Amino acid sequence: MAEVQGQLRQLQQRFAGAALPEAARQKLIKLTETAAVKAEGLTKKDWQNWIIGGFVSSITGLALNPTQASEVLKLVKTAFGGLLLQ
């Protein structure tokens, strides 16, 4: 749990510095805050499914261009590495 919380904090910082529209940055930061709360109440598998769905939904809902979407996915992959695959 502590590892996930730490990764979420790092991801928030990366989103804050990313070259994204302000609305997208704020929504993604909010998603990581919500994910921290959800991590405490869901099973690992349920949380993994929730966060993957949350990021995919955010990327499509924010209508990010391919470069921006790729950047978001890269940041998420860097932050979580194998955590979402375990």
PDB file of N, CA and C in Angstrom:
ATOM      1  N   MET A   1       0.821  -1.189   0.000  1.00  0.00           N
ATOM      2  CA  MET A   1       0.000   0.000   0.000  1.00  0.00           C
ATOM      3  C   MET A   1       0.872   1.262   0.000  1.00  0.00           C
ATOM      4  N   ALA A   2       1.892   1.295   0.837  1.00  0.00           N
ATOM      5  CA  ALA A   2       2.766   2.470   0.913  1.00  0.00           C
ATOM      6  C   ALA A   2       3.470   2.709  -0.422  1.00  0.00           C
ATOM      7  N   GLU A   3       3.835   1.633  -1.096  1.00  0.00           N
ATOM      8  CA  GLU A   3       4.498   1.765  -2.390  1.00  0.00           C
ATOM      9  C   GLU A   3       3.562   2.417  -3.413  1.00  0.00           C
ATOM     10  N   VAL A   4       2.311   1.995  -3.415  1.00  0.00           N
ATOM     11  CA  VAL A   4       1.326   2.569  -4.332  1.00  0.00           C
ATOM     12  C   VAL A   4       1.128   4.045  -4.027  1.00  0.00           C
ATOM     13  N   GLN A   5       0.999   4.388  -2.750  1.00  0.00           N
ATOM     14  CA  GLN A   5       0.803   5.795  -2.360  1.00  0.00           C
ATOM     15  C   GLN A   5       1.984   6.650  -2.811  1.00  0.00           C
ATOM     16  N   GLY A   6       3.196   6.137  -2.646  1.00  0.00           N
ATOM     17  CA  GLY A   6       4.386   6.862  -3.075  1.00  0.00           C
ATOM     18  C   GLY A   6       4.418   7.056  -4.582  1.00  0.00           C
ATOM     19  N   GLN A   7       4.041   6.026  -5.309  1.00  0.00           N
ATOM     20  CA  GLN A   7       4.017   6.121  -6.767  1.00  0.00           C
ATOM     21  C   GLN A   7       2.951   7.123  -7.224  1.00  0.00           C
ATOM     22  N   LEU A   8       1.828   7.151  -6.545  1.00  0.00           N
ATOM     23  CA  LEU A   8       0.785   8.111  -6.898  1.00  0.00           C
ATOM     24  C   LEU A   8       1.248   9.547  -6.654  1.00  0.00           C
ATOM     25  N   ARG A   9       1.970   9.778  -5.562  1.00  0.00           N
ATOM     26  CA  ARG A   9       2.514  11.122  -5.300  1.00  0.00           C
ATOM     27  C   ARG A   9       3.499  11.526  -6.398  1.00  0.00           C
ATOM     28  N   GLN A  10       4.362  10.602  -6.796  1.00  0.00           N
ATOM     29  CA  GLN A  10       5.312  10.898  -7.873  1.00  0.00           C
ATOM     30  C   GLN A  10       4.575  11.184  -9.186  1.00  0.00           C
ATOM     31  N   LEU A  11       3.536  10.418  -9.446  1.00  0.00           N
ATOM     32  CA  LEU A  11       2.767  10.611 -10.672  1.00  0.00           C
ATOM     33  C   LEU A  11       2.098  11.988 -10.666  1.00  0.00           C
ATOM     34  N   GLN A  12       1.584  12.411  -9.527  1.00  0.00           N
ATOM     35  CA  GLN A  12       0.994  13.752  -9.421  1.00  0.00           C
ATOM     36  C   GLN A  12       2.026  14.817  -9.791  1.00  0.00           C
ATOM     37  N   GLN A  13       3.226  14.675  -9.276  1.00  0.00           N
ATOM     38  CA  GLN A  13       4.284  15.638  -9.565  1.00  0.00           C
ATOM     39  C   GLN A  13       4.631  15.626 -11.055  1.00  0.00           C
ATOM     40  N   ARG A  14       4.677  14.449 -11.641  1.00  0.00           N
ATOM     41  CA  ARG A  14       4.982  14.351 -13.077  1.00  0.00           C
ATOM     42  C   ARG A  14       3.876  14.974 -13.919  1.00  0.00           C
ATOM     43  N   PHE A  15       2.628  14.745 -13.532  1.00  0.00           N
ATOM     44  CA  PHE A  15       1.521  15.364 -14.260  1.00  0.00           C
ATOM     45  C   PHE A  15       1.593  16.890 -14.133  1.00  0.00           C
ATOM     46  N   ALA A  16       1.923  17.373 -12.955  1.00  0.00           N
ATOM     47  CA  ALA A  16       1.997  18.821 -12.737  1.00  0.00           C
ATOM     48  C   ALA A  16       3.021  19.475 -13.665  1.00  0.00           C
ATOM     49  N   GLY A  17       4.094  18.762 -13.986  1.00  0.00           N
ATOM     50  CA  GLY A  17       5.130  19.311 -14.851  1.00  0.00           C
ATOM     51  C   GLY A  17       5.016  18.916 -16.311  1.00  0.00           C
ATOM     52  N   ALA A  18       3.989  18.155 -16.651  1.00  0.00           N
ATOM     53  CA  ALA A  18       3.848  17.664 -18.022  1.00  0.00           C
ATOM     54  C   ALA A  18       3.337  18.756 -18.961  1.00  0.00           C
ATOM     55  N   ALA A  19       3.693  18.617 -20.220  1.00  0.00           N
ATOM     56  CA  ALA A  19       3.246  19.557 -21.254  1.00  0.00           C
ATOM     57  C   ALA A  19       1.842  19.171 -21.711  1.00  0.00           C
ATOM     58  N   LEU A  20       0.878  19.449 -20.843  1.00  0.00           N
ATOM     59  CA  LEU A  20      -0.520  19.128 -21.122  1.00  0.00           C
ATOM     60  C   LEU A  20      -1.365  20.372 -20.905  1.00  0.00           C
ATOM     61  N   PRO A  21      -2.543  20.426 -21.506  1.00  0.00           N
ATOM     62  CA  PRO A  21      -3.446  21.531 -21.199  1.00  0.00           C
ATOM     63  C   PRO A  21      -3.770  21.542 -19.699  1.00  0.00           C
ATOM     64  N   GLU A  22      -3.980  22.721 -19.161  1.00  0.00           N
ATOM     65  CA  GLU A  22      -4.220  22.849 -17.709  1.00  0.00           C
ATOM     66  C   GLU A  22      -5.391  21.991 -17.236  1.00  0.00           C
ATOM     67  N   ALA A  23      -6.484  21.961 -17.988  1.00  0.00           N
ATOM     68  CA  ALA A  23      -7.649  21.159 -17.587  1.00  0.00           C
ATOM     69  C   ALA A  23      -7.284  19.682 -17.509  1.00  0.00           C
ATOM     70  N   ALA A  24      -6.492  19.207 -18.453  1.00  0.00           N
ATOM     71  CA  ALA A  24      -6.070  17.805 -18.453  1.00  0.00           C
ATOM     72  C   ALA A  24      -5.170  17.527 -17.257  1.00  0.00           C
ATOM     73  N   ARG A  25      -4.243  18.429 -17.001  1.00  0.00           N
ATOM     74  CA  ARG A  25      -3.337  18.270 -15.862  1.00  0.00           C
ATOM     75  C   ARG A  25      -4.130  18.166 -14.559  1.00  0.00           C
ATOM     76  N   GLN A  26      -5.079  19.057 -14.380  1.00  0.00           N
ATOM     77  CA  GLN A  26      -5.878  19.062 -13.154  1.00  0.00           C
ATOM     78  C   GLN A  26      -6.722  17.793 -13.009  1.00  0.00           C
ATOM     79  N   LYS A  27      -7.304  17.338 -14.116  1.00  0.00           N
ATOM     80  CA  LYS A  27      -8.121  16.120 -14.058  1.00  0.00           C
ATOM     81  C   LYS A  27      -7.263  14.896 -13.717  1.00  0.00           C
ATOM     82  N   LEU A  28      -6.091  14.807 -14.306  1.00  0.00           N
ATOM     83  CA  LEU A  28      -5.213  13.661 -14.031  1.00  0.00           C
ATOM     84  C   LEU A  28      -4.686  13.694 -12.603  1.00  0.00           C
ATOM     85  N   ILE A  29      -4.382  14.878 -12.106  1.00  0.00           N
ATOM     86  CA  ILE A  29      -3.942  14.995 -10.709  1.00  0.00           C
ATOM     87  C   ILE A  29      -5.077  14.579  -9.776  1.00  0.00           C
ATOM     88  N   LYS A  30      -6.293  15.016 -10.075  1.00  0.00           N
ATOM     89  CA  LYS A  30      -7.459  14.637  -9.272  1.00  0.00           C
ATOM     90  C   LYS A  30      -7.666  13.124  -9.313  1.00  0.00           C
ATOM     91  N   LEU A  31      -7.454  12.521 -10.478  1.00  0.00           N
ATOM     92  CA  LEU A  31      -7.591  11.074 -10.602  1.00  0.00           C
ATOM     93  C   LEU A  31      -6.597  10.354  -9.692  1.00  0.00           C
ATOM     94  N   THR A  32      -5.365  10.854  -9.610  1.00  0.00           N
ATOM     95  CA  THR A  32      -4.386  10.204  -8.740  1.00  0.00           C
ATOM     96  C   THR A  32      -4.763  10.368  -7.276  1.00  0.00           C
ATOM     97  N   GLU A  33      -5.370  11.505  -6.923  1.00  0.00           N
ATOM     98  CA  GLU A  33      -5.829  11.701  -5.539  1.00  0.00           C
ATOM     99  C   GLU A  33      -6.945  10.723  -5.209  1.00  0.00           C
ATOM    100  N   THR A  34      -7.881  10.559  -6.123  1.00  0.00           N
ATOM    101  CA  THR A  34      -8.975   9.609  -5.926  1.00  0.00           C
ATOM    102  C   THR A  34      -8.437   8.182  -5.863  1.00  0.00           C
ATOM    103  N   ALA A  35      -7.445   7.883  -6.687  1.00  0.00           N
ATOM    104  CA  ALA A  35      -6.854   6.540  -6.708  1.00  0.00           C
ATOM    105  C   ALA A  35      -6.223   6.201  -5.362  1.00  0.00           C
ATOM    106  N   ALA A  36      -5.647   7.192  -4.700  1.00  0.00           N
ATOM    107  CA  ALA A  36      -5.037   6.951  -3.388  1.00  0.00           C
ATOM    108  C   ALA A  36      -6.096   6.523  -2.379  1.00  0.00           C
ATOM    109  N   VAL A  37      -7.256   7.143  -2.426  1.00  0.00           N
ATOM    110  CA  VAL A  37      -8.351   6.791  -1.519  1.00  0.00           C
ATOM    111  C   VAL A  37      -8.904   5.415  -1.889  1.00  0.00           C
ATOM    112  N   LYS A  38      -9.095   5.179  -3.173  1.00  0.00           N
ATOM    113  CA  LYS A  38      -9.627   3.891  -3.633  1.00  0.00           C
ATOM    114  C   LYS A  38      -8.693   2.734  -3.275  1.00  0.00           C
ATOM    115  N   ALA A  39      -7.397   2.985  -3.285  1.00  0.00           N
ATOM    116  CA  ALA A  39      -6.417   1.935  -2.995  1.00  0.00           C
ATOM    117  C   ALA A  39      -6.606   1.380  -1.592  1.00  0.00           C
ATOM    118  N   GLU A  40      -7.133   2.197  -0.708  1.00  0.00           N
ATOM    119  CA  GLU A  40      -7.332   1.750   0.675  1.00  0.00           C
ATOM    120  C   GLU A  40      -8.564   0.877   0.839  1.00  0.00           C
ATOM    121  N   GLY A  41      -9.549   1.023  -0.066  1.00  0.00           N
ATOM    122  CA  GLY A  41     -10.801   0.313   0.125  1.00  0.00           C
ATOM    123  C   GLY A  41     -11.078  -0.817  -0.845  1.00  0.00           C
ATOM    124  N   LEU A  42     -10.271  -0.938  -1.879  1.00  0.00           N
ATOM    125  CA  LEU A  42     -10.498  -1.985  -2.880  1.00  0.00           C
ATOM    126  C   LEU A  42      -9.434  -3.071  -2.790  1.00  0.00           C
ATOM    127  N   THR A  43      -9.779  -4.228  -3.300  1.00  0.00           N
ATOM    128  CA  THR A  43      -8.763  -5.265  -3.420  1.00  0.00           C
ATOM    129  C   THR A  43      -7.752  -4.809  -4.462  1.00  0.00           C
ATOM    130  N   LYS A  44      -6.586  -5.433  -4.471  1.00  0.00           N
ATOM    131  CA  LYS A  44      -5.544  -5.042  -5.425  1.00  0.00           C
ATOM    132  C   LYS A  44      -6.047  -5.162  -6.859  1.00  0.00           C
ATOM    133  N   LYS A  45      -6.688  -6.249  -7.183  1.00  0.00           N
ATOM    134  CA  LYS A  45      -7.179  -6.482  -8.542  1.00  0.00           C
ATOM    135  C   LYS A  45      -8.250  -5.456  -8.916  1.00  0.00           C
ATOM    136  N   ASP A  46      -9.176  -5.196  -7.998  1.00  0.00           N
ATOM    137  CA  ASP A  46     -10.215  -4.209  -8.277  1.00  0.00           C
ATOM    138  C   ASP A  46      -9.608  -2.823  -8.472  1.00  0.00           C
ATOM    139  N   TRP A  47      -8.628  -2.481  -7.658  1.00  0.00           N
ATOM    140  CA  TRP A  47      -7.975  -1.180  -7.774  1.00  0.00           C
ATOM    141  C   TRP A  47      -7.231  -1.075  -9.112  1.00  0.00           C
ATOM    142  N   GLN A  48      -6.534  -2.129  -9.495  1.00  0.00           N
ATOM    143  CA  GLN A  48      -5.823  -2.125 -10.775  1.00  0.00           C
ATOM    144  C   GLN A  48      -6.800  -1.873 -11.920  1.00  0.00           C
ATOM    145  N   ASN A  49      -7.908  -2.574 -11.902  1.00  0.00           N
ATOM    146  CA  ASN A  49      -8.912  -2.383 -12.955  1.00  0.00           C
ATOM    147  C   ASN A  49      -9.476  -0.968 -12.927  1.00  0.00           C
ATOM    148  N   TRP A  50      -9.719  -0.454 -11.721  1.00  0.00           N
ATOM    149  CA  TRP A  50     -10.278   0.896 -11.584  1.00  0.00           C
ATOM    150  C   TRP A  50      -9.312   1.941 -12.133  1.00  0.00           C
ATOM    151  N   ILE A  51      -8.037   1.840 -11.768  1.00  0.00           N
ATOM    152  CA  ILE A  51      -7.094   2.880 -12.188  1.00  0.00           C
ATOM    153  C   ILE A  51      -6.806   2.806 -13.685  1.00  0.00           C
ATOM    154  N   ILE A  52      -6.705   1.614 -14.232  1.00  0.00           N
ATOM    155  CA  ILE A  52      -6.498   1.487 -15.681  1.00  0.00           C
ATOM    156  C   ILE A  52      -7.686   2.102 -16.420  1.00  0.00           C
ATOM    157  N   GLY A  53      -8.888   1.752 -15.984  1.00  0.00           N
ATOM    158  CA  GLY A  53     -10.089   2.327 -16.597  1.00  0.00           C
ATOM    159  C   GLY A  53     -10.145   3.836 -16.428  1.00  0.00           C
ATOM    160  N   GLY A  54      -9.722   4.322 -15.271  1.00  0.00           N
ATOM    161  CA  GLY A  54      -9.723   5.757 -15.012  1.00  0.00           C
ATOM    162  C   GLY A  54      -8.800   6.516 -15.943  1.00  0.00           C
ATOM    163  N   PHE A  55      -7.606   6.002 -16.148  1.00  0.00           N
ATOM    164  CA  PHE A  55      -6.669   6.682 -17.040  1.00  0.00           C
ATOM    165  C   PHE A  55      -7.107   6.595 -18.492  1.00  0.00           C
ATOM    166  N   VAL A  56      -7.589   5.441 -18.919  1.00  0.00           N
ATOM    167  CA  VAL A  56      -8.059   5.305 -20.304  1.00  0.00           C
ATOM    168  C   VAL A  56      -9.238   6.245 -20.535  1.00  0.00           C
ATOM    169  N   SER A  57     -10.172   6.279 -19.601  1.00  0.00           N
ATOM    170  CA  SER A  57     -11.326   7.163 -19.708  1.00  0.00           C
ATOM    171  C   SER A  57     -10.904   8.622 -19.746  1.00  0.00           C
ATOM    172  N   SER A  58      -9.942   8.992 -18.910  1.00  0.00           N
ATOM    173  CA  SER A  58      -9.464  10.378 -18.885  1.00  0.00           C
ATOM    174  C   SER A  58      -8.804  10.764 -20.195  1.00  0.00           C
ATOM    175  N   ILE A  59      -7.980   9.875 -20.715  1.00  0.00           N
ATOM    176  CA  ILE A  59      -7.283  10.180 -21.973  1.00  0.00           C
ATOM    177  C   ILE A  59      -8.291  10.388 -23.097  1.00  0.00           C
ATOM    178  N   THR A  60      -9.283   9.535 -23.186  1.00  0.00           N
ATOM    179  CA  THR A  60     -10.267   9.688 -24.258  1.00  0.00           C
ATOM    180  C   THR A  60     -11.209  10.858 -23.976  1.00  0.00           C
ATOM    181  N   GLY A  61     -11.602  11.034 -22.727  1.00  0.00           N
ATOM    182  CA  GLY A  61     -12.519  12.110 -22.375  1.00  0.00           C
ATOM    183  C   GLY A  61     -11.910  13.491 -22.515  1.00  0.00           C
ATOM    184  N   LEU A  62     -10.617  13.601 -22.328  1.00  0.00           N
ATOM    185  CA  LEU A  62      -9.949  14.894 -22.450  1.00  0.00           C
ATOM    186  C   LEU A  62      -9.580  15.217 -23.888  1.00  0.00           C
ATOM    187  N   ALA A  63      -9.820  14.288 -24.783  1.00  0.00           N
ATOM    188  CA  ALA A  63      -9.505  14.471 -26.199  1.00  0.00           C
ATOM    189  C   ALA A  63      -8.060  14.923 -26.399  1.00  0.00           C
ATOM    190  N   LEU A  64      -7.150  14.241 -25.730  1.00  0.00           N
ATOM    191  CA  LEU A  64      -5.734  14.559 -25.880  1.00  0.00           C
ATOM    192  C   LEU A  64      -5.266  14.164 -27.266  1.00  0.00           C
ATOM    193  N   ASN A  65      -4.326  14.914 -27.798  1.00  0.00           N
ATOM    194  CA  ASN A  65      -3.774  14.529 -29.085  1.00  0.00           C
ATOM    195  C   ASN A  65      -2.868  13.310 -28.880  1.00  0.00           C
ATOM    196  N   PRO A  66      -2.479  12.617 -29.949  1.00  0.00           N
ATOM    197  CA  PRO A  66      -1.680  11.395 -29.791  1.00  0.00           C
ATOM    198  C   PRO A  66      -0.387  11.597 -28.996  1.00  0.00           C
ATOM    199  N   THR A  67       0.271  12.720 -29.167  1.00  0.00           N
ATOM    200  CA  THR A  67       1.508  12.987 -28.427  1.00  0.00           C
ATOM    201  C   THR A  67       1.227  13.133 -26.938  1.00  0.00           C
ATOM    202  N   GLN A  68       0.178  13.856 -26.598  1.00  0.00           N
ATOM    203  CA  GLN A  68      -0.181  14.055 -25.196  1.00  0.00           C
ATOM    204  C   GLN A  68      -0.635  12.737 -24.568  1.00  0.00           C
ATOM    205  N   ALA A  69      -1.445  11.973 -25.283  1.00  0.00           N
ATOM    206  CA  ALA A  69      -1.910  10.683 -24.769  1.00  0.00           C
ATOM    207  C   ALA A  69      -0.729   9.756 -24.523  1.00  0.00           C
ATOM    208  N   SER A  70       0.215   9.749 -25.448  1.00  0.00           N
ATOM    209  CA  SER A  70       1.409   8.930 -25.299  1.00  0.00           C
ATOM    210  C   SER A  70       2.213   9.353 -24.077  1.00  0.00           C
ATOM    211  N   GLU A  71       2.307  10.643 -23.851  1.00  0.00           N
ATOM    212  CA  GLU A  71       3.036  11.162 -22.683  1.00  0.00           C
ATOM    213  C   GLU A  71       2.374  10.711 -21.385  1.00  0.00           C
ATOM    214  N   VAL A  72       1.055  10.792 -21.325  1.00  0.00           N
ATOM    215  CA  VAL A  72       0.334  10.357 -20.122  1.00  0.00           C
ATOM    216  C   VAL A  72       0.577   8.875 -19.881  1.00  0.00           C
ATOM    217  N   LEU A  73       0.444   8.065 -20.918  1.00  0.00           N
ATOM    218  CA  LEU A  73       0.667   6.621 -20.762  1.00  0.00           C
ATOM    219  C   LEU A  73       2.098   6.324 -20.330  1.00  0.00           C
ATOM    220  N   LYS A  74       3.049   7.056 -20.885  1.00  0.00           N
ATOM    221  CA  LYS A  74       4.452   6.860 -20.511  1.00  0.00           C
ATOM    222  C   LYS A  74       4.659   7.193 -19.030  1.00  0.00           C
ATOM    223  N   LEU A  75       4.064   8.282 -18.559  1.00  0.00           N
ATOM    224  CA  LEU A  75       4.194   8.668 -17.152  1.00  0.00           C
ATOM    225  C   LEU A  75       3.588   7.615 -16.227  1.00  0.00           C
ATOM    226  N   VAL A  76       2.421   7.105 -16.607  1.00  0.00           N
ATOM    227  CA  VAL A  76       1.765   6.076 -15.792  1.00  0.00           C
ATOM    228  C   VAL A  76       2.613   4.809 -15.774  1.00  0.00           C
ATOM    229  N   LYS A  77       3.097   4.402 -16.925  1.00  0.00           N
ATOM    230  CA  LYS A  77       3.926   3.189 -17.013  1.00  0.00           C
ATOM    231  C   LYS A  77       5.208   3.352 -16.195  1.00  0.00           C
ATOM    232  N   THR A  78       5.837   4.525 -16.278  1.00  0.00           N
ATOM    233  CA  THR A  78       7.048   4.781 -15.513  1.00  0.00           C
ATOM    234  C   THR A  78       6.760   4.735 -14.012  1.00  0.00           C
ATOM    235  N   ALA A  79       5.647   5.323 -13.615  1.00  0.00           N
ATOM    236  CA  ALA A  79       5.313   5.382 -12.191  1.00  0.00           C
ATOM    237  C   ALA A  79       5.021   4.006 -11.602  1.00  0.00           C
ATOM    238  N   PHE A  80       4.316   3.198 -12.357  1.00  0.00           N
ATOM    239  CA  PHE A  80       3.864   1.921 -11.789  1.00  0.00           C
ATOM    240  C   PHE A  80       4.668   0.719 -12.243  1.00  0.00           C
ATOM    241  N   GLY A  81       5.415   0.853 -13.317  1.00  0.00           N
ATOM    242  CA  GLY A  81       6.237  -0.264 -13.773  1.00  0.00           C
ATOM    243  C   GLY A  81       5.462  -1.563 -13.728  1.00  0.00           C
ATOM    244  N   GLY A  82       5.949  -2.493 -12.975  1.00  0.00           N
ATOM    245  CA  GLY A  82       5.328  -3.802 -12.879  1.00  0.00           C
ATOM    246  C   GLY A  82       4.200  -3.913 -11.876  1.00  0.00           C
ATOM    247  N   LEU A  83       3.949  -2.848 -11.103  1.00  0.00           N
ATOM    248  CA  LEU A  83       2.904  -2.940 -10.081  1.00  0.00           C
ATOM    249  C   LEU A  83       1.540  -3.330 -10.655  1.00  0.00           C
ATOM    250  N   LEU A  84       1.209  -2.803 -11.827  1.00  0.00           N
ATOM    251  CA  LEU A  84      -0.095  -3.109 -12.412  1.00  0.00           C
ATOM    252  C   LEU A  84      -0.094  -4.458 -13.093  1.00  0.00           C
ATOM    253  N   LEU A  85       1.066  -5.049 -13.264  1.00  0.00           N
ATOM    254  CA  LEU A  85       1.151  -6.340 -13.940  1.00  0.00           C
ATOM    255  C   LEU A  85       1.265  -7.499 -12.956  1.00  0.00           C
ATOM    256  N   GLN A  86       1.420  -7.187 -11.707  1.00  0.00           N
ATOM    257  CA  GLN A  86       1.614  -8.259 -10.707  1.00  0.00           C
ATOM    258  C   GLN A  86       0.290  -8.833 -10.271  1.00  0.00           C
TER     259      GLN A  86
END
